[in-house]
C-alpha atoms as a PDB file:
ATOM      1  CA  MET A   1      10.122  13.106  15.521  1.00  0.00           C
ATOM      2  CA  SER A   2      11.140  12.313  11.745  1.00  0.00           C
ATOM      3  CA  ILE A   3       9.905   9.160   9.957  1.00  0.00           C
ATOM      4  CA  LYS A   4      13.525   7.442   9.253  1.00  0.00           C
ATOM      5  CA  ILE A   5      13.657   5.995   5.704  1.00  0.00           C
ATOM      6  CA  LEU A   6      16.096   3.672   3.980  1.00  0.00           C
ATOM      7  CA  ILE A   7      15.851   3.568   0.075  1.00  0.00           C
ATOM      8  CA  ALA A   8      16.711   0.439  -1.516  1.00  0.00           C
ATOM      9  CA  ASP A   9      16.936   0.682  -5.450  1.00  0.00           C
ATOM     10  CA  ASP A  10      19.584  -0.341  -7.905  1.00  0.00           C
ATOM     11  CA  HIS A  11      19.142   2.786  -9.859  1.00  0.00           C
ATOM     12  CA  HIS A  12      21.319   5.644  -8.657  1.00  0.00           C
ATOM     13  CA  VAL A  13      19.008   8.352 -10.416  1.00  0.00           C
ATOM     14  CA  VAL A  14      15.961   6.840  -8.694  1.00  0.00           C
ATOM     15  CA  ARG A  15      17.696   7.002  -5.270  1.00  0.00           C
ATOM     16  CA  ARG A  16      18.812  10.634  -5.726  1.00  0.00           C
ATOM     17  CA  GLY A  17      15.479  11.635  -6.859  1.00  0.00           C
ATOM     18  CA  LEU A  18      13.516  10.201  -3.883  1.00  0.00           C
ATOM     19  CA  ILE A  19      16.262  11.533  -1.455  1.00  0.00           C
ATOM     20  CA  PHE A  20      16.009  14.861  -2.699  1.00  0.00           C
ATOM     21  CA  PHE A  21      12.056  14.929  -2.759  1.00  0.00           C
ATOM     22  CA  LEU A  22      11.539  13.051   0.705  1.00  0.00           C
ATOM     23  CA  ASN A  23      13.999  15.283   2.314  1.00  0.00           C
ATOM     24  CA  THR A  24      11.805  18.253   1.544  1.00  0.00           C
ATOM     25  CA  GLN A  25       9.188  16.843   3.870  1.00  0.00           C
ATOM     26  CA  ASP A  26       9.355  18.242   7.437  1.00  0.00           C
ATOM     27  CA  ASP A  27       8.772  14.816   8.966  1.00  0.00           C
ATOM     28  CA  ILE A  28      10.566  12.541   6.948  1.00  0.00           C
ATOM     29  CA  GLU A  29      14.381  12.159   7.015  1.00  0.00           C
ATOM     30  CA  VAL A  30      16.374   9.572   4.487  1.00  0.00           C
ATOM     31  CA  ILE A  31      19.067   8.021   6.752  1.00  0.00           C
ATOM     32  CA  GLY A  32      20.437   5.750   4.225  1.00  0.00           C
ATOM     33  CA  GLU A  33      20.552   4.046   0.511  1.00  0.00           C
ATOM     34  CA  ALA A  34      21.152   0.678  -0.726  1.00  0.00           C
ATOM     35  CA  SER A  35      21.675  -0.656  -4.271  1.00  0.00           C
ATOM     36  CA  ASN A  36      20.826  -4.306  -3.825  1.00  0.00           C
ATOM     37  CA  GLY A  37      18.656  -6.226  -1.268  1.00  0.00           C
ATOM     38  CA  GLU A  38      21.693  -7.719   0.577  1.00  0.00           C
ATOM     39  CA  GLU A  39      22.996  -4.153   1.304  1.00  0.00           C
ATOM     40  CA  ALA A  40      19.410  -3.109   2.311  1.00  0.00           C
ATOM     41  CA  LEU A  41      19.225  -5.960   5.031  1.00  0.00           C
ATOM     42  CA  ARG A  42      22.685  -5.042   6.426  1.00  0.00           C
ATOM     43  CA  LEU A  43      21.757  -1.476   6.809  1.00  0.00           C
ATOM     44  CA  VAL A  44      18.382  -2.074   8.250  1.00  0.00           C
ATOM     45  CA  LYS A  45      20.290  -3.886  10.919  1.00  0.00           C
ATOM     46  CA  GLU A  46      22.829  -1.060  11.326  1.00  0.00           C
ATOM     47  CA  LEU A  47      20.586   2.083  10.965  1.00  0.00           C
ATOM     48  CA  ARG A  48      17.424   1.017  12.214  1.00  0.00           C
ATOM     49  CA  PRO A  49      14.975   2.825  10.001  1.00  0.00           C
ATOM     50  CA  ASP A  50      11.217   3.123  10.423  1.00  0.00           C
ATOM     51  CA  ILE A  51      10.583   2.401   6.786  1.00  0.00           C
ATOM     52  CA  VAL A  52      12.326   0.825   3.804  1.00  0.00           C
ATOM     53  CA  ILE A  53      11.294   2.012   0.452  1.00  0.00           C
ATOM     54  CA  MET A  54      12.202  -1.190  -1.597  1.00  0.00           C
ATOM     55  CA  ASP A  55      12.420  -1.790  -5.239  1.00  0.00           C
ATOM     56  CA  LEU A  56      11.819  -5.170  -6.799  1.00  0.00           C
ATOM     57  CA  ALA A  57      14.160  -5.929  -9.360  1.00  0.00           C
ATOM     58  CA  MET A  58      17.701  -5.462  -7.769  1.00  0.00           C
ATOM     59  CA  PRO A  59      20.826  -7.490  -8.111  1.00  0.00           C
ATOM     60  CA  VAL A  60      22.277  -9.858  -5.664  1.00  0.00           C
ATOM     61  CA  LEU A  61      19.397 -10.054  -3.619  1.00  0.00           C
ATOM     62  CA  ASP A  62      15.791  -8.877  -4.970  1.00  0.00           C
ATOM     63  CA  GLY A  63      13.246  -6.929  -2.958  1.00  0.00           C
ATOM     64  CA  ILE A  64      10.918  -9.901  -2.309  1.00  0.00           C
ATOM     65  CA  GLU A  65      13.434 -11.934  -0.909  1.00  0.00           C
ATOM     66  CA  ALA A  66      15.114  -8.928   1.318  1.00  0.00           C
ATOM     67  CA  THR A  67      11.507  -8.401   2.604  1.00  0.00           C
ATOM     68  CA  LYS A  68      11.088 -11.986   3.557  1.00  0.00           C
ATOM     69  CA  ARG A  69      14.361 -11.821   5.481  1.00  0.00           C
ATOM     70  CA  ILE A  70      13.659  -8.680   7.183  1.00  0.00           C
ATOM     71  CA  LYS A  71      10.412 -10.284   8.564  1.00  0.00           C
ATOM     72  CA  LEU A  72      11.881 -13.502   9.126  1.00  0.00           C
ATOM     73  CA  GLU A  73      14.606 -11.921  11.439  1.00  0.00           C
ATOM     74  CA  GLY A  74      12.048 -10.024  13.343  1.00  0.00           C
ATOM     75  CA  LEU A  75      13.369  -6.670  12.479  1.00  0.00           C
ATOM     76  CA  ALA A  76      11.222  -3.646  13.622  1.00  0.00           C
ATOM     77  CA  VAL A  77      10.844  -2.010  10.203  1.00  0.00           C
ATOM     78  CA  LYS A  78       7.996  -1.669   7.684  1.00  0.00           C
ATOM     79  CA  VAL A  79       8.602  -2.230   4.016  1.00  0.00           C
ATOM     80  CA  MET A  80       6.937  -0.358   1.196  1.00  0.00           C
ATOM     81  CA  ILE A  81       7.529  -1.748  -2.206  1.00  0.00           C
ATOM     82  CA  LEU A  82       8.131   0.829  -4.867  1.00  0.00           C
ATOM     83  CA  THR A  83       8.226  -0.531  -8.423  1.00  0.00           C
ATOM     84  CA  SER A  84       7.310  -0.258 -11.918  1.00  0.00           C
ATOM     85  CA  PHE A  85       5.594  -3.871 -11.802  1.00  0.00           C
ATOM     86  CA  TYR A  86       1.952  -4.189 -10.902  1.00  0.00           C
ATOM     87  CA  ASP A  87       0.936  -7.571 -12.021  1.00  0.00           C
ATOM     88  CA  GLN A  88      -0.051 -10.238  -9.903  1.00  0.00           C
ATOM     89  CA  ASP A  89       3.102 -12.212 -10.059  1.00  0.00           C
ATOM     90  CA  HIS A  90       4.875  -9.517  -8.412  1.00  0.00           C
ATOM     91  CA  ILE A  91       2.234  -7.914  -6.081  1.00  0.00           C
ATOM     92  CA  LEU A  92       0.926 -11.343  -4.266  1.00  0.00           C
ATOM     93  CA  PRO A  93       4.453 -12.523  -3.444  1.00  0.00           C
ATOM     94  CA  ALA A  94       5.596  -9.155  -2.123  1.00  0.00           C
ATOM     95  CA  ILE A  95       2.421  -8.938   0.255  1.00  0.00           C
ATOM     96  CA  GLU A  96       3.044 -12.538   1.141  1.00  0.00           C
ATOM     97  CA  ALA A  97       6.571 -11.690   2.138  1.00  0.00           C
ATOM     98  CA  GLY A  98       5.469  -9.004   4.479  1.00  0.00           C
ATOM     99  CA  ALA A  99       5.296  -5.966   2.491  1.00  0.00           C
ATOM    100  CA  ALA A 100       3.080  -3.307   4.179  1.00  0.00           C
ATOM    101  CA  GLY A 101       2.676  -0.950   1.233  1.00  0.00           C
ATOM    102  CA  TYR A 102       2.959  -1.453  -2.672  1.00  0.00           C
ATOM    103  CA  TYR A 103       3.203   1.819  -4.777  1.00  0.00           C
ATOM    104  CA  LEU A 104       4.276   2.336  -8.339  1.00  0.00           C
ATOM    105  CA  LYS A 105       7.074   4.776  -9.344  1.00  0.00           C
ATOM    106  CA  ASP A 106       4.747   6.751 -11.470  1.00  0.00           C
ATOM    107  CA  SER A 107       2.634   7.472  -8.358  1.00  0.00           C
ATOM    108  CA  ASP A 108       1.753  11.186  -7.291  1.00  0.00           C
ATOM    109  CA  PRO A 109       4.393  12.390  -5.169  1.00  0.00           C
ATOM    110  CA  ASP A 110       1.891  13.818  -2.767  1.00  0.00           C
ATOM    111  CA  GLU A 111      -0.027  10.437  -2.583  1.00  0.00           C
ATOM    112  CA  LEU A 112       3.266   8.737  -2.106  1.00  0.00           C
ATOM    113  CA  VAL A 113       4.234  10.854   0.882  1.00  0.00           C
ATOM    114  CA  SER A 114       0.768  10.216   2.475  1.00  0.00           C
ATOM    115  CA  ALA A 115       1.301   6.551   2.148  1.00  0.00           C
ATOM    116  CA  ILE A 116       4.544   6.723   3.705  1.00  0.00           C
ATOM    117  CA  ARG A 117       2.782   8.446   6.697  1.00  0.00           C
ATOM    118  CA  LYS A 118       0.028   6.025   6.992  1.00  0.00           C
ATOM    119  CA  ILE A 119       2.415   2.852   6.759  1.00  0.00           C
ATOM    120  CA  HIS A 120       4.288   4.527   9.629  1.00  0.00           C
ATOM    121  CA  ASP A 121       1.123   4.959  11.788  1.00  0.00           C
ATOM    122  CA  GLY A 122       0.536   1.104  11.142  1.00  0.00           C
ATOM    123  CA  GLU A 123      -1.766   1.165   8.258  1.00  0.00           C
ATOM    124  CA  LYS A 124      -1.268  -0.949   4.876  1.00  0.00           C
ATOM    125  CA  GLN A 125      -1.303   1.333   1.774  1.00  0.00           C
ATOM    126  CA  PHE A 126      -1.493   0.032  -1.914  1.00  0.00           C
ATOM    127  CA  HIS A 127      -1.831   2.034  -5.113  1.00  0.00           C
ATOM    128  CA  SER A 128      -5.250   1.628  -6.751  1.00  0.00           C
ATOM    129  CA  LYS A 129      -3.759  -0.143  -9.744  1.00  0.00           C
ATOM    130  CA  VAL A 130      -2.359  -2.808  -7.036  1.00  0.00           C
ATOM    131  CA  THR A 131      -5.782  -2.803  -5.327  1.00  0.00           C
ATOM    132  CA  THR A 132      -7.442  -3.727  -8.535  1.00  0.00           C
ATOM    133  CA  GLN A 133      -5.135  -6.774  -9.097  1.00  0.00           C
ATOM    134  CA  LEU A 134      -5.568  -7.961  -5.640  1.00  0.00           C
ATOM    135  CA  VAL A 135      -9.310  -8.063  -6.148  1.00  0.00           C
ATOM    136  CA  SER A 136      -8.948  -9.742  -9.613  1.00  0.00           C
ATOM    137  CA  ALA A 137      -6.707 -12.213  -7.823  1.00  0.00           C
ATOM    138  CA  LEU A 138      -9.220 -12.955  -5.102  1.00  0.00           C
ATOM    139  CA  THR A 139     -12.157 -13.212  -7.287  1.00  0.00           C
ATOM    140  CA  GLY A 140     -10.577 -15.963  -9.280  1.00  0.00           C
ATOM    141  CA  LYS A 141      -9.345 -17.912  -6.282  1.00  0.00           C
ATOM    142  CA  THR A 142     -12.469 -17.921  -3.959  1.00  0.00           C
ATOM    143  CA  GLU A 143     -16.171 -18.945  -4.036  1.00  0.00           C
ATOM    144  CA  THR A 144     -18.620 -15.991  -3.146  1.00  0.00           C
ATOM    145  CA  LYS A 145     -21.216 -15.932  -0.647  1.00  0.00           C
ATOM    146  CA  ASN A 146     -23.805 -13.220   0.176  1.00  0.00           C
ATOM    147  CA  ASP A 147     -23.300 -11.395   3.390  1.00  0.00           C
ATOM    148  CA  GLU A 148     -26.451  -9.537   4.117  1.00  0.00           C
ATOM    149  CA  SER A 149     -25.694  -8.445   7.538  1.00  0.00           C
ATOM    150  CA  PHE A 150     -22.639  -6.759   6.013  1.00  0.00           C
ATOM    151  CA  LYS A 151     -24.889  -4.800   3.294  1.00  0.00           C
ATOM    152  CA  ASP A 152     -27.316  -4.005   5.956  1.00  0.00           C
ATOM    153  CA  LYS A 153     -24.735  -1.904   8.078  1.00  0.00           C
ATOM    154  CA  LEU A 154     -24.418   0.320   5.058  1.00  0.00           C
ATOM    155  CA  THR A 155     -26.403   3.226   3.634  1.00  0.00           C
ATOM    156  CA  LYS A 156     -27.387   3.111  -0.059  1.00  0.00           C
ATOM    157  CA  ARG A 157     -24.622   6.070  -0.620  1.00  0.00           C
ATOM    158  CA  GLU A 158     -21.980   4.204   1.393  1.00  0.00           C
ATOM    159  CA  MET A 159     -22.595   1.126  -0.682  1.00  0.00           C
ATOM    160  CA  ASP A 160     -22.060   3.202  -3.886  1.00  0.00           C
ATOM    161  CA  VAL A 161     -18.559   4.386  -2.262  1.00  0.00           C
ATOM    162  CA  LEU A 162     -17.535   0.698  -1.578  1.00  0.00           C
ATOM    163  CA  LYS A 163     -18.258  -0.249  -5.120  1.00  0.00           C
ATOM    164  CA  GLU A 164     -15.836   2.512  -6.246  1.00  0.00           C
ATOM    165  CA  ILE A 165     -13.270   1.453  -3.624  1.00  0.00           C
ATOM    166  CA  THR A 166     -13.480  -2.212  -5.064  1.00  0.00           C
ATOM    167  CA  ARG A 167     -12.824  -0.816  -8.661  1.00  0.00           C
ATOM    168  CA  GLY A 168      -9.332   0.464  -7.285  1.00  0.00           C
ATOM    169  CA  LYS A 169     -10.417   4.016  -7.238  1.00  0.00           C
ATOM    170  CA  SER A 170      -8.919   6.848  -5.361  1.00  0.00           C
ATOM    171  CA  ASN A 171     -10.945   9.054  -3.020  1.00  0.00           C
ATOM    172  CA  LYS A 172     -10.561  12.122  -5.850  1.00  0.00           C
ATOM    173  CA  GLU A 173     -11.674   9.675  -8.565  1.00  0.00           C
ATOM    174  CA  ILE A 174     -14.810   8.546  -6.322  1.00  0.00           C
ATOM    175  CA  ALA A 175     -15.710  11.925  -5.874  1.00  0.00           C
ATOM    176  CA  ALA A 176     -15.886  12.775  -9.443  1.00  0.00           C
ATOM    177  CA  SER A 177     -17.776   9.585 -10.306  1.00  0.00           C
ATOM    178  CA  LEU A 178     -20.479  10.095  -7.614  1.00  0.00           C
ATOM    179  CA  PHE A 179     -20.818  13.924  -7.935  1.00  0.00           C
ATOM    180  CA  ILE A 180     -19.752  14.616  -4.322  1.00  0.00           C
ATOM    181  CA  THR A 181     -16.807  16.472  -2.826  1.00  0.00           C
ATOM    182  CA  GLU A 182     -13.589  14.692  -1.902  1.00  0.00           C
ATOM    183  CA  LYS A 183     -14.147  15.516   1.843  1.00  0.00           C
ATOM    184  CA  THR A 184     -17.537  13.875   1.799  1.00  0.00           C
ATOM    185  CA  VAL A 185     -15.942  10.606   0.324  1.00  0.00           C
ATOM    186  CA  LYS A 186     -13.504  10.646   3.210  1.00  0.00           C
ATOM    187  CA  THR A 187     -16.244  10.806   5.787  1.00  0.00           C
ATOM    188  CA  HIS A 188     -18.235   7.870   3.855  1.00  0.00           C
ATOM    189  CA  VAL A 189     -14.881   5.829   3.789  1.00  0.00           C
ATOM    190  CA  SER A 190     -14.284   6.622   7.429  1.00  0.00           C
ATOM    191  CA  ASN A 191     -17.964   5.628   8.473  1.00  0.00           C
ATOM    192  CA  ILE A 192     -17.495   2.504   6.369  1.00  0.00           C
ATOM    193  CA  LEU A 193     -14.268   1.265   8.255  1.00  0.00           C
ATOM    194  CA  SER A 194     -15.885   2.080  11.544  1.00  0.00           C
ATOM    195  CA  LYS A 195     -19.220   0.021  10.684  1.00  0.00           C
ATOM    196  CA  THR A 196     -17.362  -3.058   9.207  1.00  0.00           C
ATOM    197  CA  GLN A 197     -14.373  -2.920  11.995  1.00  0.00           C
ATOM    198  CA  LEU A 198     -11.910  -3.172   8.928  1.00  0.00           C
ATOM    199  CA  GLN A 199      -8.496  -1.452   9.009  1.00  0.00           C
ATOM    200  CA  ASP A 200      -8.121   0.115   5.543  1.00  0.00           C
ATOM    201  CA  ARG A 201      -9.637   0.398   2.187  1.00  0.00           C
ATOM    202  CA  THR A 202      -7.943  -2.678   0.843  1.00  0.00           C
ATOM    203  CA  GLN A 203      -9.394  -4.927   3.359  1.00  0.00           C
ATOM    204  CA  LEU A 204     -12.702  -3.452   2.570  1.00  0.00           C
ATOM    205  CA  ALA A 205     -12.106  -4.277  -1.236  1.00  0.00           C
ATOM    206  CA  LEU A 206     -11.175  -7.503  -0.613  1.00  0.00           C
ATOM    207  CA  TYR A 207     -13.839  -8.469   1.823  1.00  0.00           C
ATOM    208  CA  ALA A 208     -16.510  -7.366  -0.320  1.00  0.00           C
ATOM    209  CA  VAL A 209     -15.376  -9.227  -3.279  1.00  0.00           C
ATOM    210  CA  ARG A 210     -14.824 -12.554  -1.261  1.00  0.00           C
ATOM    211  CA  ASN A 211     -18.406 -12.378   0.052  1.00  0.00           C
ATOM    212  CA  GLY A 212     -20.057 -11.585  -3.083  1.00  0.00           C
ATOM    213  CA  ILE A 213     -21.455  -8.416  -1.821  1.00  0.00           C
ATOM    214  CA  LEU A 214     -20.932  -6.365  -5.177  1.00  0.00           C
ATOM    215  CA  LYS A 215     -22.751  -7.441  -8.210  1.00  0.00           C
END
């Protein structure tokens, strides 16, 4: 069964490019497009997509307000922000509004498709630059404390991987930094999530920084 996508972006060329690319995926179907947030909200109600790929800067109604309204109205659709902005003034309001993902327009296409599939499966997905900004925001707003029980659960290599996750690195970048294979990194990440009972790498990074685990 295909993942049904609605694209909301005020730039026609961006919409056309996304539609062309996403429709090459066997399990993804673009069922509609909108040029502003108000139109996106109307089409969500009409077409019932699984995911809205939402730009932030749009006329009539911007992406953050459109996301808020989608969530307030209890519509069963996930929102993935796709934008050029990755500063805290845009990221934090978007996540607070209920976005399940936040990616940049210069993201690797394969990474973008992978994120769409994971969001559809119920995970939250953020570009590595976005994760870094979230960690930075949290570091500045919270007092840290040491959580030895959390640290004791992990092996030394798992702690090494966690440090790299907190720096916003992808699995490929972590593999290069630690001189291990990408498959090994994926195994470590899976083990860390299982041991900590957290849902995704973003939660791991935020938890680690909040609790002063990483020095």
